[in-house]
Amino acid sequence: MSVRDLRVRRGGREVLRGVGFDVPRGSVVGLLGPSGCGKTTLMRALVGVQIVESGTVQVLGRPAGSPELRRTVGYATQSPAVYLDLTVQENLRYFASVLGVPRGAVRREVDRVVDEVGLGRHRDQVAGTLSGGQLSRASLAVALLGAPELVVLDEPTVGLDPVLRQELWHLFNELASRGTTLLVSSHVMDEAGRCERLLLMREGEILADDTPAALRARAGVDDLEEVFLRLIAGREGVGSR
């Protein structure tokens, strides 16, 4: 995945300001920053559903949004993307058919993603009766259908308890070990240390792009939230000269 000088304007406001970075295959990359910094807009651009003003976005060697990418890119939004009047299993069967999963493989594929996100006991439950965390996991299951090569996840652990968050991060790293690339957004800094690499965003720009260890060394502190604050202070100090 490669992004070059990406600029996006929404409602007359520049939301992304010349963003650029590369993401190698088979890695877990965290996209972190405060609410409103442009994380969701960037992720929408990566999956090809965001109108951009300028710049380029290449995903798996093709322009973002190319028809050929529809079966190889999974995307889970912040808001649950399932039908509330269908059961978890019915939702997954429907989306599997949309993705073109062979009819004979649908049941096996649904069983796989249900187990991966820990919804086995809720497969026959109507989505509208699930808790917020369970709905998030159902949306994640949809994104994992078809074993995509790139999975883009917008705040996937919001509303989950610490045990489930740990289980999902274990899943993310397992997927990466199989060659899947994951871009995971969060505004919770304690999740940053679980990523192989971090993109720290603020006000529509990439503030830093490095491994957690390198960022800690650069800022001279171990706490990643303090790292982020020091990077902000350093950027503002440079800008005020």
Foldseek 3Di string as FASTA:
>chain_A
DWWFQWWADDPNRILAGGATDDDDWLFEEEEAEDPSQNPVVVLCLQQPNGDTPDTFHADPRHGHPPPVQPLQEFEFAPDQDFDQQAFLQVRQLVLLVVSPPPPVCSVVQSVVLCVLLVNVVRRRPRNNPDDPLVSLSSSVSSRCGNNHQEYEYEASCPPHDPVSVVSVLVSVNVSSVVGHYYYYYDHDQVCLLSGQWYQYTGNNYGLDTGGLVVLCVVQVHNRRVVSNVSSVVVVVVVVVD
